[in-house]
Amino acid sequence: MSIALLAGLKSKDTYSKNWAIIVDKYKRIISTWFNGFVAGIDESAFSWDKKADSYRNTKYPYILHAEENAILHAPNIYLNDTTMYCKKFPCNECAKKIAQKKIKEVIYYELKHPEKDIYVASRRIFDVAWVKYSQYKWNVDFWELAKTLNIEWNI
C-alpha cells in the first residue's frame, strides 16, 4: 500500500491523487498506474477542473481512472488470481473491468460515500463475480510516520 501511495504522487490531478497497483499471488508488482489523461497526448488541451460551464469542459470525460490504467498497462493479458490495491473503492465502470479481467481481490484505502449508486453497483458486480474486497488496515499509522519523516502528502 505504501508503494501505491507513492505511485499516486505521479498524478497531475490536483483534486485526487488516485492510484492502483496489481500484484500477483507472490505479491510481485505486475502493474502500477495513476489517474490521468491518455498517455502521450498534449494535456494542456484539457482541464483538470471538477466543475465548469459544461461537462465537456471538466476533466471527467477525458480522464482514465487509476484502476483502468493499471489494467491497460499490465503486461499480462491474463490477470487471473491477482490482487489490486487502490486508493478509492472502484466505481462501477472500473468494477466491470476488474471482474472481466478476473482479478480476484481488491484492497482499497478509502470509501467515502458507500451509499452512492456507483459503489452499490460495484459491490453487486464484485459479489456476483466472486471478487473479494476489503479496506486496507495499516499496521502502523502511516500519516504519523510521514510527519515524523517530514513528508507532506497531498492526497
N, C-alpha and C. Protein backbone atom coordinates (compact mmCIF):
# COMPACT_ATOMS: atom_id res chain seq x y z
N MET A 1 0.83 -1.19 0.00
CA MET A 1 0.00 0.00 0.00
C MET A 1 0.88 1.25 0.00
N SER A 2 2.03 1.18 0.65
CA SER A 2 2.95 2.32 0.66
C SER A 2 3.44 2.64 -0.75
N ILE A 3 3.75 1.60 -1.51
CA ILE A 3 4.19 1.80 -2.90
C ILE A 3 3.05 2.42 -3.71
N ALA A 4 1.85 1.98 -3.44
CA ALA A 4 0.69 2.53 -4.14
C ALA A 4 0.53 4.02 -3.85
N LEU A 5 0.72 4.41 -2.60
CA LEU A 5 0.63 5.84 -2.26
C LEU A 5 1.67 6.65 -3.02
N LEU A 6 2.86 6.11 -3.13
CA LEU A 6 3.91 6.81 -3.88
C LEU A 6 3.57 6.91 -5.35
N ALA A 7 2.98 5.87 -5.91
CA ALA A 7 2.60 5.88 -7.33
C ALA A 7 1.59 7.00 -7.60
N GLY A 8 0.70 7.23 -6.67
CA GLY A 8 -0.32 8.25 -6.84
C GLY A 8 0.24 9.66 -6.92
N LEU A 9 1.43 9.86 -6.40
CA LEU A 9 2.03 11.19 -6.44
C LEU A 9 2.37 11.62 -7.87
N LYS A 10 2.44 10.66 -8.79
CA LYS A 10 2.71 10.98 -10.20
C LYS A 10 1.52 11.62 -10.88
N SER A 11 0.33 11.46 -10.33
CA SER A 11 -0.87 12.03 -10.94
C SER A 11 -0.79 13.55 -10.91
N LYS A 12 -1.19 14.17 -12.00
CA LYS A 12 -1.20 15.63 -12.06
C LYS A 12 -2.53 16.20 -11.60
N ASP A 13 -3.46 15.34 -11.25
CA ASP A 13 -4.77 15.77 -10.78
C ASP A 13 -4.61 16.41 -9.41
N THR A 14 -4.92 17.67 -9.31
CA THR A 14 -4.74 18.39 -8.05
C THR A 14 -5.83 18.05 -7.03
N TYR A 15 -6.94 17.46 -7.49
CA TYR A 15 -8.04 17.14 -6.59
C TYR A 15 -7.91 15.76 -5.96
N SER A 16 -7.47 14.80 -6.75
CA SER A 16 -7.37 13.44 -6.19
C SER A 16 -6.20 12.71 -6.84
N LYS A 17 -5.29 12.31 -6.02
CA LYS A 17 -4.11 11.56 -6.46
C LYS A 17 -4.44 10.07 -6.36
N ASN A 18 -5.23 9.60 -7.30
CA ASN A 18 -5.64 8.19 -7.26
C ASN A 18 -4.59 7.30 -7.89
N TRP A 19 -4.54 6.07 -7.44
CA TRP A 19 -3.56 5.12 -7.92
C TRP A 19 -4.11 3.72 -7.79
N ALA A 20 -3.49 2.79 -8.50
CA ALA A 20 -3.83 1.38 -8.39
C ALA A 20 -2.58 0.56 -8.69
N ILE A 21 -2.44 -0.54 -8.00
CA ILE A 21 -1.34 -1.47 -8.23
C ILE A 21 -1.92 -2.87 -8.32
N ILE A 22 -1.46 -3.63 -9.30
CA ILE A 22 -1.87 -5.02 -9.43
C ILE A 22 -0.66 -5.88 -9.08
N VAL A 23 -0.87 -6.84 -8.18
CA VAL A 23 0.20 -7.75 -7.78
C VAL A 23 -0.23 -9.19 -8.03
N ASP A 24 0.74 -10.05 -8.27
CA ASP A 24 0.43 -11.47 -8.47
C ASP A 24 0.32 -12.17 -7.12
N LYS A 25 0.13 -13.48 -7.15
CA LYS A 25 -0.08 -14.22 -5.90
C LYS A 25 1.15 -14.23 -4.99
N TYR A 26 2.30 -13.85 -5.54
CA TYR A 26 3.53 -13.77 -4.74
C TYR A 26 3.81 -12.33 -4.29
N LYS A 27 2.85 -11.43 -4.52
CA LYS A 27 2.95 -10.01 -4.18
C LYS A 27 3.98 -9.26 -5.03
N ARG A 28 4.29 -9.80 -6.20
CA ARG A 28 5.17 -9.10 -7.14
C ARG A 28 4.32 -8.12 -7.94
N ILE A 29 4.83 -6.92 -8.12
CA ILE A 29 4.08 -5.90 -8.84
C ILE A 29 4.04 -6.24 -10.33
N ILE A 30 2.81 -6.28 -10.86
CA ILE A 30 2.60 -6.52 -12.29
C ILE A 30 2.39 -5.19 -13.01
N SER A 31 1.63 -4.31 -12.38
CA SER A 31 1.31 -3.03 -12.99
C SER A 31 0.99 -2.02 -11.90
N THR A 32 1.37 -0.80 -12.14
CA THR A 32 1.02 0.29 -11.23
C THR A 32 0.73 1.51 -12.08
N TRP A 33 -0.31 2.23 -11.74
CA TRP A 33 -0.65 3.41 -12.51
C TRP A 33 -1.48 4.35 -11.68
N PHE A 34 -1.74 5.52 -12.21
CA PHE A 34 -2.48 6.57 -11.52
C PHE A 34 -3.54 7.12 -12.47
N ASN A 35 -4.39 7.99 -11.95
CA ASN A 35 -5.41 8.59 -12.80
C ASN A 35 -4.77 9.68 -13.67
N GLY A 36 -5.26 9.79 -14.89
CA GLY A 36 -4.71 10.81 -15.78
C GLY A 36 -5.31 10.74 -17.17
N PHE A 37 -4.88 11.67 -17.99
CA PHE A 37 -5.33 11.71 -19.37
C PHE A 37 -4.63 10.61 -20.18
N VAL A 38 -5.07 10.42 -21.39
CA VAL A 38 -4.48 9.43 -22.28
C VAL A 38 -2.98 9.70 -22.41
N ALA A 39 -2.18 8.65 -22.26
CA ALA A 39 -0.72 8.80 -22.30
C ALA A 39 -0.25 9.38 -23.62
N GLY A 40 0.68 10.32 -23.55
CA GLY A 40 1.33 10.87 -24.72
C GLY A 40 0.61 12.00 -25.41
N ILE A 41 -0.56 12.40 -24.90
CA ILE A 41 -1.28 13.49 -25.56
C ILE A 41 -0.85 14.83 -24.97
N ASP A 42 -1.24 15.89 -25.63
CA ASP A 42 -1.00 17.25 -25.13
C ASP A 42 -2.02 17.53 -24.04
N GLU A 43 -1.62 17.39 -22.81
CA GLU A 43 -2.55 17.54 -21.69
C GLU A 43 -3.06 18.97 -21.53
N SER A 44 -2.36 19.92 -22.10
CA SER A 44 -2.82 21.31 -21.97
C SER A 44 -4.12 21.55 -22.74
N ALA A 45 -4.53 20.60 -23.57
CA ALA A 45 -5.78 20.72 -24.32
C ALA A 45 -6.99 20.46 -23.42
N PHE A 46 -6.75 19.96 -22.21
CA PHE A 46 -7.83 19.59 -21.31
C PHE A 46 -7.68 20.30 -19.97
N SER A 47 -8.77 20.32 -19.23
CA SER A 47 -8.80 20.95 -17.92
C SER A 47 -8.83 19.89 -16.82
N TRP A 48 -8.23 20.19 -15.69
CA TRP A 48 -8.32 19.32 -14.52
C TRP A 48 -9.49 19.73 -13.63
N ASP A 49 -10.29 20.70 -14.07
CA ASP A 49 -11.39 21.20 -13.25
C ASP A 49 -12.47 20.15 -13.01
N LYS A 50 -13.03 20.20 -11.81
CA LYS A 50 -14.14 19.32 -11.46
C LYS A 50 -15.47 19.92 -11.88
N LYS A 51 -15.53 21.24 -11.90
CA LYS A 51 -16.77 21.93 -12.27
C LYS A 51 -16.46 22.97 -13.34
N ALA A 52 -17.39 23.12 -14.26
CA ALA A 52 -17.24 24.12 -15.33
C ALA A 52 -18.63 24.41 -15.89
N ASP A 53 -18.67 25.26 -16.91
CA ASP A 53 -19.94 25.62 -17.52
C ASP A 53 -20.62 24.43 -18.20
N SER A 54 -19.84 23.44 -18.61
CA SER A 54 -20.42 22.22 -19.17
C SER A 54 -19.53 21.03 -18.83
N TYR A 55 -20.11 19.86 -18.90
CA TYR A 55 -19.40 18.62 -18.58
C TYR A 55 -18.15 18.46 -19.44
N ARG A 56 -18.24 18.82 -20.71
CA ARG A 56 -17.10 18.64 -21.62
C ARG A 56 -15.91 19.53 -21.28
N ASN A 57 -16.12 20.52 -20.43
CA ASN A 57 -15.02 21.39 -20.01
C ASN A 57 -14.44 20.99 -18.65
N THR A 58 -14.88 19.85 -18.13
CA THR A 58 -14.31 19.31 -16.90
C THR A 58 -13.33 18.19 -17.27
N LYS A 59 -12.71 17.61 -16.28
CA LYS A 59 -11.76 16.51 -16.51
C LYS A 59 -12.47 15.19 -16.80
N TYR A 60 -13.68 15.04 -16.36
CA TYR A 60 -14.35 13.75 -16.33
C TYR A 60 -14.50 13.02 -17.67
N PRO A 61 -14.83 13.69 -18.76
CA PRO A 61 -14.97 12.90 -19.99
C PRO A 61 -13.63 12.45 -20.59
N TYR A 62 -12.53 12.92 -20.06
CA TYR A 62 -11.22 12.67 -20.67
C TYR A 62 -10.26 11.85 -19.82
N ILE A 63 -10.55 11.72 -18.56
CA ILE A 63 -9.59 11.10 -17.64
C ILE A 63 -9.81 9.59 -17.56
N LEU A 64 -8.72 8.88 -17.42
CA LEU A 64 -8.77 7.44 -17.16
C LEU A 64 -8.56 7.23 -15.67
N HIS A 65 -9.38 6.38 -15.08
CA HIS A 65 -9.20 6.08 -13.68
C HIS A 65 -7.94 5.24 -13.48
N ALA A 66 -7.39 5.30 -12.30
CA ALA A 66 -6.17 4.57 -11.99
C ALA A 66 -6.35 3.06 -12.19
N GLU A 67 -7.52 2.55 -11.82
CA GLU A 67 -7.79 1.12 -11.98
C GLU A 67 -7.76 0.72 -13.45
N GLU A 68 -8.39 1.55 -14.30
CA GLU A 68 -8.38 1.29 -15.75
C GLU A 68 -6.95 1.33 -16.28
N ASN A 69 -6.22 2.35 -15.88
CA ASN A 69 -4.84 2.50 -16.34
C ASN A 69 -3.97 1.30 -15.92
N ALA A 70 -4.13 0.84 -14.69
CA ALA A 70 -3.34 -0.30 -14.22
C ALA A 70 -3.66 -1.55 -15.05
N ILE A 71 -4.93 -1.75 -15.36
CA ILE A 71 -5.32 -2.90 -16.18
C ILE A 71 -4.77 -2.75 -17.60
N LEU A 72 -4.92 -1.57 -18.18
CA LEU A 72 -4.45 -1.35 -19.55
C LEU A 72 -2.93 -1.43 -19.69
N HIS A 73 -2.21 -1.07 -18.64
CA HIS A 73 -0.74 -1.09 -18.69
C HIS A 73 -0.13 -2.39 -18.19
N ALA A 74 -0.97 -3.32 -17.75
CA ALA A 74 -0.45 -4.61 -17.28
C ALA A 74 0.12 -5.38 -18.47
N PRO A 75 1.32 -5.92 -18.34
CA PRO A 75 1.92 -6.63 -19.46
C PRO A 75 1.26 -7.98 -19.74
N ASN A 76 0.54 -8.51 -18.76
CA ASN A 76 -0.09 -9.81 -18.93
C ASN A 76 -1.50 -9.65 -19.48
N ILE A 77 -1.83 -10.50 -20.43
CA ILE A 77 -3.20 -10.50 -20.94
C ILE A 77 -4.14 -11.03 -19.86
N TYR A 78 -3.67 -12.04 -19.13
CA TYR A 78 -4.49 -12.66 -18.09
C TYR A 78 -4.07 -12.13 -16.73
N LEU A 79 -5.04 -11.61 -16.01
CA LEU A 79 -4.77 -11.10 -14.67
C LEU A 79 -5.44 -11.98 -13.61
N ASN A 80 -5.78 -13.20 -14.01
CA ASN A 80 -6.41 -14.15 -13.09
C ASN A 80 -5.54 -14.29 -11.84
N ASP A 81 -6.21 -14.40 -10.72
CA ASP A 81 -5.54 -14.68 -9.45
C ASP A 81 -4.61 -13.55 -8.99
N THR A 82 -4.93 -12.33 -9.40
CA THR A 82 -4.14 -11.18 -8.96
C THR A 82 -4.95 -10.38 -7.95
N THR A 83 -4.28 -9.44 -7.30
CA THR A 83 -4.90 -8.54 -6.33
C THR A 83 -4.62 -7.11 -6.76
N MET A 84 -5.64 -6.27 -6.66
CA MET A 84 -5.47 -4.86 -6.96
C MET A 84 -5.55 -4.06 -5.66
N TYR A 85 -4.56 -3.21 -5.44
CA TYR A 85 -4.58 -2.25 -4.34
C TYR A 85 -4.92 -0.90 -4.95
N CYS A 86 -5.84 -0.17 -4.35
CA CYS A 86 -6.20 1.14 -4.91
C CYS A 86 -6.58 2.10 -3.79
N LYS A 87 -6.47 3.38 -4.11
CA LYS A 87 -6.76 4.41 -3.11
C LYS A 87 -8.25 4.42 -2.79
N LYS A 88 -9.07 4.53 -3.81
CA LYS A 88 -10.51 4.62 -3.60
C LYS A 88 -11.18 3.32 -4.03
N PHE A 89 -12.29 3.02 -3.39
CA PHE A 89 -13.07 1.87 -3.82
C PHE A 89 -13.48 2.11 -5.26
N PRO A 90 -13.32 1.13 -6.13
CA PRO A 90 -13.58 1.35 -7.56
C PRO A 90 -15.04 1.68 -7.89
N CYS A 91 -15.22 2.54 -8.87
CA CYS A 91 -16.55 2.86 -9.37
C CYS A 91 -17.08 1.66 -10.14
N ASN A 92 -18.35 1.71 -10.54
CA ASN A 92 -18.94 0.58 -11.25
C ASN A 92 -18.28 0.32 -12.61
N GLU A 93 -17.82 1.36 -13.28
CA GLU A 93 -17.16 1.17 -14.58
C GLU A 93 -15.84 0.43 -14.41
N CYS A 94 -15.09 0.77 -13.40
CA CYS A 94 -13.83 0.06 -13.12
C CYS A 94 -14.11 -1.34 -12.58
N ALA A 95 -15.16 -1.48 -11.78
CA ALA A 95 -15.52 -2.80 -11.24
C ALA A 95 -15.81 -3.78 -12.37
N LYS A 96 -16.46 -3.32 -13.43
CA LYS A 96 -16.73 -4.19 -14.57
C LYS A 96 -15.44 -4.68 -15.20
N LYS A 97 -14.48 -3.80 -15.34
CA LYS A 97 -13.19 -4.17 -15.95
C LYS A 97 -12.40 -5.11 -15.04
N ILE A 98 -12.45 -4.85 -13.75
CA ILE A 98 -11.76 -5.71 -12.77
C ILE A 98 -12.34 -7.12 -12.82
N ALA A 99 -13.66 -7.22 -12.80
CA ALA A 99 -14.31 -8.53 -12.85
C ALA A 99 -14.05 -9.22 -14.19
N GLN A 100 -14.08 -8.47 -15.26
CA GLN A 100 -13.84 -9.03 -16.60
C GLN A 100 -12.44 -9.63 -16.72
N LYS A 101 -11.46 -9.00 -16.09
CA LYS A 101 -10.08 -9.48 -16.15
C LYS A 101 -9.80 -10.56 -15.10
N LYS A 102 -10.80 -10.92 -14.32
CA LYS A 102 -10.70 -11.99 -13.32
C LYS A 102 -9.71 -11.69 -12.20
N ILE A 103 -9.59 -10.40 -11.88
CA ILE A 103 -8.80 -10.02 -10.71
C ILE A 103 -9.56 -10.55 -9.49
N LYS A 104 -8.88 -11.27 -8.61
CA LYS A 104 -9.59 -12.00 -7.55
C LYS A 104 -9.89 -11.17 -6.30
N GLU A 105 -9.13 -10.08 -6.10
CA GLU A 105 -9.32 -9.32 -4.86
C GLU A 105 -8.97 -7.85 -5.08
N VAL A 106 -9.73 -6.99 -4.42
CA VAL A 106 -9.47 -5.55 -4.43
C VAL A 106 -9.30 -5.11 -2.98
N ILE A 107 -8.18 -4.46 -2.71
CA ILE A 107 -7.94 -3.90 -1.38
C ILE A 107 -7.84 -2.39 -1.57
N TYR A 108 -8.74 -1.68 -0.95
CA TYR A 108 -8.84 -0.24 -1.15
C TYR A 108 -8.50 0.50 0.15
N TYR A 109 -8.11 1.76 -0.03
CA TYR A 109 -7.75 2.59 1.12
C TYR A 109 -8.96 3.29 1.72
N GLU A 110 -9.86 3.81 0.85
CA GLU A 110 -11.00 4.56 1.38
C GLU A 110 -12.25 4.40 0.52
N LEU A 111 -13.38 4.55 1.18
CA LEU A 111 -14.69 4.58 0.52
C LEU A 111 -15.50 5.62 1.27
N LYS A 112 -15.54 6.83 0.70
CA LYS A 112 -16.15 7.95 1.42
C LYS A 112 -17.67 7.94 1.39
N HIS A 113 -18.26 7.45 0.30
CA HIS A 113 -19.73 7.50 0.16
C HIS A 113 -20.26 6.14 -0.28
N PRO A 114 -20.28 5.16 0.63
CA PRO A 114 -20.67 3.80 0.25
C PRO A 114 -22.11 3.69 -0.26
N GLU A 115 -22.94 4.67 0.07
CA GLU A 115 -24.34 4.62 -0.34
C GLU A 115 -24.57 5.07 -1.79
N LYS A 116 -23.58 5.68 -2.43
CA LYS A 116 -23.75 6.14 -3.81
C LYS A 116 -23.99 4.96 -4.74
N ASP A 117 -24.86 5.17 -5.71
CA ASP A 117 -25.23 4.10 -6.64
C ASP A 117 -24.03 3.45 -7.32
N ILE A 118 -23.02 4.25 -7.67
CA ILE A 118 -21.87 3.66 -8.38
C ILE A 118 -21.12 2.67 -7.51
N TYR A 119 -21.11 2.87 -6.20
CA TYR A 119 -20.41 1.96 -5.30
C TYR A 119 -21.29 0.77 -4.91
N VAL A 120 -22.59 1.00 -4.82
CA VAL A 120 -23.52 -0.11 -4.59
C VAL A 120 -23.44 -1.06 -5.80
N ALA A 121 -23.43 -0.49 -6.99
CA ALA A 121 -23.32 -1.30 -8.21
C ALA A 121 -21.99 -2.06 -8.24
N SER A 122 -20.91 -1.40 -7.82
CA SER A 122 -19.60 -2.06 -7.78
C SER A 122 -19.63 -3.27 -6.87
N ARG A 123 -20.21 -3.11 -5.70
CA ARG A 123 -20.27 -4.23 -4.76
C ARG A 123 -21.10 -5.38 -5.33
N ARG A 124 -22.19 -5.05 -6.03
CA ARG A 124 -23.01 -6.09 -6.66
C ARG A 124 -22.22 -6.83 -7.72
N ILE A 125 -21.49 -6.09 -8.54
CA ILE A 125 -20.65 -6.71 -9.57
C ILE A 125 -19.62 -7.63 -8.92
N PHE A 126 -18.92 -7.13 -7.91
CA PHE A 126 -17.89 -7.92 -7.23
C PHE A 126 -18.49 -9.17 -6.58
N ASP A 127 -19.63 -9.01 -5.93
CA ASP A 127 -20.25 -10.15 -5.25
C ASP A 127 -20.64 -11.25 -6.24
N VAL A 128 -21.24 -10.87 -7.34
CA VAL A 128 -21.68 -11.85 -8.34
C VAL A 128 -20.48 -12.47 -9.06
N ALA A 129 -19.43 -11.70 -9.27
CA ALA A 129 -18.23 -12.19 -9.96
C ALA A 129 -17.22 -12.83 -9.01
N TRP A 130 -17.54 -12.93 -7.75
CA TRP A 130 -16.68 -13.54 -6.73
C TRP A 130 -15.35 -12.81 -6.59
N VAL A 131 -15.39 -11.49 -6.66
CA VAL A 131 -14.20 -10.67 -6.42
C VAL A 131 -14.27 -10.23 -4.96
N LYS A 132 -13.27 -10.63 -4.17
CA LYS A 132 -13.23 -10.22 -2.77
C LYS A 132 -12.81 -8.75 -2.70
N TYR A 133 -13.29 -8.05 -1.70
CA TYR A 133 -12.88 -6.66 -1.50
C TYR A 133 -12.84 -6.36 0.00
N SER A 134 -11.85 -5.55 0.38
CA SER A 134 -11.71 -5.18 1.78
C SER A 134 -10.93 -3.88 1.89
N GLN A 135 -11.15 -3.20 2.99
CA GLN A 135 -10.43 -1.96 3.25
C GLN A 135 -9.10 -2.29 3.91
N TYR A 136 -8.07 -1.62 3.47
CA TYR A 136 -6.72 -1.85 3.99
C TYR A 136 -6.61 -1.30 5.41
N LYS A 137 -5.98 -2.06 6.28
CA LYS A 137 -5.73 -1.62 7.65
C LYS A 137 -4.22 -1.50 7.84
N TRP A 138 -3.77 -0.32 8.20
CA TRP A 138 -2.35 -0.08 8.42
C TRP A 138 -1.88 -0.76 9.68
N ASN A 139 -0.69 -1.34 9.64
CA ASN A 139 -0.06 -1.89 10.83
C ASN A 139 0.55 -0.77 11.67
N VAL A 140 0.91 0.31 10.97
CA VAL A 140 1.44 1.49 11.64
C VAL A 140 0.62 2.68 11.17
N ASP A 141 0.67 3.74 11.90
CA ASP A 141 -0.01 4.95 11.47
C ASP A 141 0.86 5.62 10.40
N PHE A 142 0.51 5.36 9.15
CA PHE A 142 1.32 5.84 8.02
C PHE A 142 1.47 7.35 8.04
N TRP A 143 0.39 8.04 8.36
CA TRP A 143 0.42 9.51 8.32
C TRP A 143 1.33 10.06 9.42
N GLU A 144 1.32 9.44 10.59
CA GLU A 144 2.23 9.86 11.66
C GLU A 144 3.68 9.60 11.26
N LEU A 145 3.91 8.45 10.63
CA LEU A 145 5.25 8.13 10.15
C LEU A 145 5.70 9.16 9.12
N ALA A 146 4.81 9.53 8.21
CA ALA A 146 5.14 10.53 7.19
C ALA A 146 5.49 11.87 7.83
N LYS A 147 4.72 12.26 8.86
CA LYS A 147 5.02 13.52 9.56
C LYS A 147 6.38 13.44 10.24
N THR A 148 6.67 12.30 10.86
CA THR A 148 7.95 12.11 11.53
C THR A 148 9.10 12.25 10.53
N LEU A 149 8.89 11.72 9.34
CA LEU A 149 9.92 11.79 8.30
C LEU A 149 9.88 13.11 7.54
N ASN A 150 8.96 14.00 7.96
CA ASN A 150 8.80 15.32 7.34
C ASN A 150 8.40 15.21 5.87
N ILE A 151 7.50 14.28 5.59
CA ILE A 151 6.96 14.09 4.22
C ILE A 151 5.58 14.71 4.19
N GLU A 152 5.31 15.54 3.19
CA GLU A 152 3.99 16.11 3.03
C GLU A 152 3.29 15.41 1.89
N TRP A 153 2.08 14.91 2.15
CA TRP A 153 1.31 14.19 1.15
C TRP A 153 0.09 15.01 0.80
N ASN A 154 -0.12 15.26 -0.45
CA ASN A 154 -1.30 15.98 -0.90
C ASN A 154 -2.24 14.97 -1.56
N ILE A 155 -2.78 14.08 -0.73
CA ILE A 155 -3.69 13.06 -1.28
C ILE A 155 -4.98 13.02 -0.51
